[in-house]
């Protein structure tokens, strides 16, 4: 690969990325119901993209299931957790019988998308802006470090059959960047340094989310989940890492305690 072709998508990715970060950080900073609406919109669009990839012959099904998923996760964020649980699984149950193909994949991934969206809302509501920024920045650092290390260093591929561009150098660089960010946030918050391995685990979870989405695209025979974001493809392409990270912290936070070394209110 020539040096020029290696970086030919960088400018478009950077422009789109800056816009995404600016909008995303603004919504994260505002929090509350505005943040919930943004998450509901993202969830709905991701489900729309998922259905479109798996079962593109049915014109109305992606839109109906996307809207239903967005409404369900938005409602789940405003009710008690006990009531939220069936709401988060309802789109999977609603849609599995509507799919002419890929029903099991749809039901499984839609449930994960819904839980991840709910996890992000809960994380922002329960832990505040500082720890929401930590989660977002760990995922961003993983992605950015992986992109540049993979292109500058190259080397053995991580899983070439599913994701031919991903390398072990980029994967490990993502872990290192996440660990460094965890150390910085631990120092800034007086949390203990258990935040470092937890940040690395979040990085791994985000990479698994990315790989899982790549497997779906490979199965569907598409390059991108949609063309909504120039240089990045669709929302599923851009938020697959956050999907894995948010789902992981929703579960891991109940096991290891979060934030590590600080009272839950911190």
Protein backbone atom coordinates (compact mmCIF):
# COMPACT_ATOMS: atom_id res chain seq x y z
CA UNK A 1 0.00 0.00 0.00
CA UNK A 2 1.42 3.38 -1.01
CA UNK A 3 1.79 6.18 1.53
CA UNK A 4 -0.82 8.22 -0.32
CA UNK A 5 -3.44 5.46 -0.44
CA UNK A 6 -2.78 4.64 3.18
CA UNK A 7 -3.97 8.08 4.24
CA UNK A 8 -6.43 8.89 1.44
CA UNK A 9 -9.45 8.81 3.74
CA UNK A 10 -7.88 10.81 6.57
CA UNK A 11 -9.13 14.31 5.70
CA UNK A 12 -12.74 13.21 5.23
CA UNK A 13 -12.61 11.14 8.41
CA UNK A 14 -11.13 14.05 10.37
CA UNK A 15 -13.77 16.56 9.24
CA UNK A 16 -16.64 14.19 9.99
CA UNK A 17 -14.97 13.14 13.22
CA UNK A 18 -14.58 16.73 14.44
CA UNK A 19 -18.25 17.43 13.76
CA UNK A 20 -19.29 14.22 15.52
CA UNK A 21 -17.11 14.96 18.54
CA UNK A 22 -18.37 18.55 18.79
CA UNK A 23 -22.03 17.51 18.63
CA UNK A 24 -21.47 14.49 20.86
CA UNK A 25 -19.58 16.36 23.55
CA UNK A 26 -22.20 19.11 23.60
CA UNK A 27 -24.97 16.58 24.16
CA UNK A 28 -22.92 14.74 26.79
CA UNK A 29 -22.27 18.04 28.60
CA UNK A 30 -25.98 18.98 28.59
CA UNK A 31 -27.02 15.54 29.85
CA UNK A 32 -30.51 14.85 31.16
CA UNK A 33 -33.43 14.35 28.80
CA UNK A 34 -31.50 15.92 25.89
CA UNK A 35 -28.88 13.19 26.24
CA UNK A 36 -31.61 10.56 26.44
CA UNK A 37 -33.16 11.84 23.19
CA UNK A 38 -29.77 11.72 21.45
CA UNK A 39 -29.18 8.14 22.61
CA UNK A 40 -32.68 7.14 21.47
CA UNK A 41 -32.00 8.64 18.04
CA UNK A 42 -28.66 6.80 17.77
CA UNK A 43 -30.21 3.52 18.90
CA UNK A 44 -33.09 3.85 16.45
CA UNK A 45 -30.75 4.59 13.54
CA UNK A 46 -28.43 1.72 14.47
CA UNK A 47 -31.33 -0.73 14.51
CA UNK A 48 -32.51 0.69 11.18
CA UNK A 49 -29.01 0.10 9.75
CA UNK A 50 -28.86 -3.40 11.23
CA UNK A 51 -32.19 -4.44 9.70
CA UNK A 52 -31.28 -2.83 6.38
CA UNK A 53 -28.06 -4.87 6.25
CA UNK A 54 -29.64 -8.17 7.24
CA UNK A 55 -32.97 -7.99 5.43
CA UNK A 56 -32.76 -5.27 2.78
CA UNK A 57 -35.62 -6.72 0.67
CA UNK A 58 -38.28 -5.41 3.07
CA UNK A 59 -38.57 -1.69 2.57
CA UNK A 60 -40.74 -0.76 5.58
CA UNK A 61 -39.34 -3.15 8.19
CA UNK A 62 -36.08 -1.24 8.97
CA UNK A 63 -37.91 2.06 9.55
CA UNK A 64 -40.64 0.51 11.72
CA UNK A 65 -38.18 -1.39 13.90
CA UNK A 66 -35.81 1.58 14.13
CA UNK A 67 -38.58 3.89 15.32
CA UNK A 68 -39.88 1.26 17.76
CA UNK A 69 -36.39 0.76 19.21
CA UNK A 70 -35.80 4.48 19.67
CA UNK A 71 -39.13 4.96 21.42
CA UNK A 72 -38.57 1.91 23.62
CA UNK A 73 -35.11 2.93 24.84
CA UNK A 74 -36.24 6.52 25.44
CA UNK A 75 -39.15 5.28 27.52
CA UNK A 76 -36.88 2.84 29.37
CA UNK A 77 -34.68 5.74 30.42
CA UNK A 78 -37.59 7.51 32.09
CA UNK A 79 -39.04 4.61 34.12
CA UNK A 80 -37.79 2.35 36.89
CA UNK A 81 -35.16 -0.27 35.97
CA UNK A 82 -37.62 -3.11 36.58
CA UNK A 83 -40.09 -1.65 34.09
CA UNK A 84 -37.26 -0.80 31.67
CA UNK A 85 -36.08 -4.40 31.25
CA UNK A 86 -39.01 -5.74 29.15
CA UNK A 87 -39.04 -2.49 27.14
CA UNK A 88 -35.41 -3.06 26.15
CA UNK A 89 -36.17 -6.55 24.83
CA UNK A 90 -39.49 -5.70 23.17
CA UNK A 91 -38.00 -4.59 19.79
CA UNK A 92 -36.18 -7.93 19.46
CA UNK A 93 -39.40 -9.79 20.14
CA UNK A 94 -41.36 -7.52 17.81
CA UNK A 95 -38.95 -7.81 14.91
CA UNK A 96 -37.72 -11.40 14.89
CA UNK A 97 -40.88 -12.65 13.20
CA UNK A 98 -40.80 -9.81 10.66
CA UNK A 99 -37.40 -10.78 9.26
CA UNK A 100 -37.22 -12.94 6.16
CA UNK A 101 -33.56 -13.62 6.94
CA UNK A 102 -31.13 -12.94 9.77
CA UNK A 103 -33.79 -13.07 12.48
CA UNK A 104 -31.59 -14.51 15.23
CA UNK A 105 -28.76 -12.09 14.47
CA UNK A 106 -31.24 -9.22 14.48
CA UNK A 107 -32.80 -10.21 17.79
CA UNK A 108 -29.43 -10.72 19.50
CA UNK A 109 -27.76 -7.53 18.29
CA UNK A 110 -30.85 -5.40 18.77
CA UNK A 111 -31.00 -6.51 22.40
CA UNK A 112 -27.32 -5.57 22.78
CA UNK A 113 -27.87 -2.19 21.14
CA UNK A 114 -30.83 -1.49 23.42
CA UNK A 115 -28.95 -2.50 26.57
CA UNK A 116 -25.92 -0.46 25.53
CA UNK A 117 -28.06 2.62 24.90
CA UNK A 118 -29.72 2.19 28.27
CA UNK A 119 -26.30 1.69 29.86
CA UNK A 120 -25.04 4.97 28.44
CA UNK A 121 -28.05 6.85 29.77
CA UNK A 122 -27.66 5.25 33.18
CA UNK A 123 -23.91 5.94 33.24
CA UNK A 124 -24.41 9.64 32.49
CA UNK A 125 -27.29 9.96 34.97
CA UNK A 126 -25.62 8.04 37.80
CA UNK A 127 -21.98 9.14 37.55
CA UNK A 128 -22.11 12.54 35.89
CA UNK A 129 -20.19 14.34 33.20
CA UNK A 130 -16.66 13.47 34.35
CA UNK A 131 -17.12 9.72 34.16
CA UNK A 132 -19.14 9.92 30.96
CA UNK A 133 -16.20 11.74 29.40
CA UNK A 134 -13.89 8.99 30.64
CA UNK A 135 -15.98 6.34 28.90
CA UNK A 136 -16.24 8.28 25.64
CA UNK A 137 -12.57 9.23 25.58
CA UNK A 138 -11.39 5.68 26.25
CA UNK A 139 -13.32 4.53 23.18
CA UNK A 140 -12.08 7.46 21.09
CA UNK A 141 -8.47 6.94 22.22
CA UNK A 142 -8.71 3.25 21.36
CA UNK A 143 -10.01 4.05 17.89
CA UNK A 144 -7.54 6.86 17.14
CA UNK A 145 -4.49 5.00 18.46
CA UNK A 146 -5.52 1.88 16.57
CA UNK A 147 -6.00 3.82 13.32
CA UNK A 148 -2.61 5.54 13.37
CA UNK A 149 -0.59 2.63 14.80
CA UNK A 150 -2.14 0.23 12.32
CA UNK A 151 -1.13 2.43 9.40
CA UNK A 152 2.27 3.52 10.70
CA UNK A 153 3.43 0.17 12.11
CA UNK A 154 1.30 -2.38 10.27
CA UNK A 155 2.29 -5.98 10.89
CA UNK A 156 0.20 -9.10 11.49
CA UNK A 157 -3.53 -8.83 10.97
CA UNK A 158 -5.86 -9.29 13.93
CA UNK A 159 -8.61 -11.25 12.14
CA UNK A 160 -8.14 -10.83 8.38
CA UNK A 161 -11.09 -12.98 7.36
CA UNK A 162 -13.54 -10.61 9.08
CA UNK A 163 -11.70 -7.29 9.37
CA UNK A 164 -8.77 -7.19 6.91
CA UNK A 165 -7.51 -3.72 7.92
CA UNK A 166 -7.16 -4.35 11.65
CA UNK A 167 -3.68 -5.21 12.91
CA UNK A 168 -2.29 -6.44 16.18
CA UNK A 169 -0.18 -3.27 16.40
CA UNK A 170 -3.30 -1.12 16.24
CA UNK A 171 -5.12 -3.34 18.70
CA UNK A 172 -2.35 -3.18 21.31
CA UNK A 173 -1.88 0.56 20.73
CA UNK A 174 -5.55 0.99 21.63
CA UNK A 175 -4.99 -0.82 24.93
CA UNK A 176 -1.96 1.34 25.74
CA UNK A 177 -3.83 4.56 24.95
CA UNK A 178 -6.80 3.46 27.08
CA UNK A 179 -4.54 2.53 29.99
CA UNK A 180 -2.78 5.91 29.84
CA UNK A 181 -6.11 7.68 29.80
CA UNK A 182 -7.28 5.61 32.76
CA UNK A 183 -4.17 6.65 34.70
CA UNK A 184 -4.84 10.31 33.91
CA UNK A 185 -8.47 10.11 35.04
CA UNK A 186 -7.44 8.23 38.19
CA UNK A 187 -5.03 11.03 39.07
CA UNK A 188 -7.58 13.74 38.33
CA UNK A 189 -10.30 12.10 40.40
CA UNK A 190 -8.28 10.42 43.15
CA UNK A 191 -9.78 7.10 42.09
CA UNK A 192 -7.42 4.20 42.60
CA UNK A 193 -5.37 2.77 39.77
CA UNK A 194 -7.79 -0.08 39.31
CA UNK A 195 -9.14 2.37 36.75
CA UNK A 196 -6.17 1.53 34.50
CA UNK A 197 -6.98 -2.16 33.91
CA UNK A 198 -10.66 -1.30 33.80
CA UNK A 199 -9.94 1.22 31.04
CA UNK A 200 -7.99 -1.44 29.15
CA UNK A 201 -10.94 -3.82 29.52
CA UNK A 202 -13.25 -1.08 28.18
CA UNK A 203 -10.86 -0.71 25.24
CA UNK A 204 -11.06 -4.44 24.58
CA UNK A 205 -14.85 -4.38 24.81
CA UNK A 206 -14.99 -1.52 22.30
CA UNK A 207 -12.75 -3.48 19.93
CA UNK A 208 -14.99 -6.52 20.29
CA UNK A 209 -17.96 -4.34 19.41
CA UNK A 210 -16.11 -3.19 16.32
CA UNK A 211 -15.21 -6.76 15.33
CA UNK A 212 -18.79 -7.96 15.88
CA UNK A 213 -20.13 -5.25 13.59
CA UNK A 214 -17.49 -6.14 10.98
CA UNK A 215 -18.70 -9.74 11.09
CA UNK A 216 -22.28 -8.61 10.41
CA UNK A 217 -21.15 -6.48 7.47
CA UNK A 218 -19.11 -9.39 6.10
CA UNK A 219 -22.11 -11.64 6.33
CA UNK A 220 -24.34 -9.05 4.69
CA UNK A 221 -21.80 -8.35 1.97
CA UNK A 222 -21.59 -4.60 2.59
CA UNK A 223 -18.66 -2.27 3.26
CA UNK A 224 -20.50 0.17 5.55
CA UNK A 225 -23.69 -0.06 7.61
CA UNK A 226 -25.01 3.00 5.72
CA UNK A 227 -23.68 6.22 4.19
CA UNK A 228 -24.96 8.63 6.82
CA UNK A 229 -21.50 9.89 7.90
CA UNK A 230 -18.93 10.84 5.22
CA UNK A 231 -15.68 8.95 5.72
CA UNK A 232 -17.13 6.79 8.48
CA UNK A 233 -20.09 4.99 6.90
CA UNK A 234 -23.06 4.72 9.21
CA UNK A 235 -23.78 5.22 12.88
CA UNK A 236 -23.27 1.50 13.49
CA UNK A 237 -19.77 1.87 12.00
CA UNK A 238 -19.03 4.84 14.23
CA UNK A 239 -20.67 3.70 17.47
CA UNK A 240 -19.90 -0.03 17.37
CA UNK A 241 -17.03 0.49 19.81
CA UNK A 242 -19.19 2.54 22.14
CA UNK A 243 -21.78 -0.22 21.95
CA UNK A 244 -19.32 -2.76 23.32
CA UNK A 245 -17.92 -0.35 25.92
CA UNK A 246 -21.30 0.77 27.26
CA UNK A 247 -22.57 -2.78 27.49
CA UNK A 248 -19.42 -3.86 29.31
CA UNK A 249 -19.48 -1.04 31.87
CA UNK A 250 -23.16 -1.71 32.54
CA UNK A 251 -22.23 -5.25 33.58
CA UNK A 252 -18.73 -4.73 35.00
CA UNK A 253 -19.78 -1.77 37.13
CA UNK A 254 -22.04 -4.10 39.08
CA UNK A 255 -19.18 -6.57 39.66
CA UNK A 256 -16.09 -4.49 40.43
CA UNK A 257 -17.75 -1.34 41.74
CA UNK A 258 -17.49 1.95 39.93
CA UNK A 259 -15.68 4.29 40.12
CA UNK A 260 -12.88 2.16 41.64
CA UNK A 261 -11.77 3.52 44.98
CA UNK A 262 -14.45 6.21 45.19
CA UNK A 263 -17.98 6.24 46.61
CA UNK A 264 -20.64 5.47 43.96
CA UNK A 265 -21.87 9.09 44.06
CA UNK A 266 -18.49 10.22 42.68
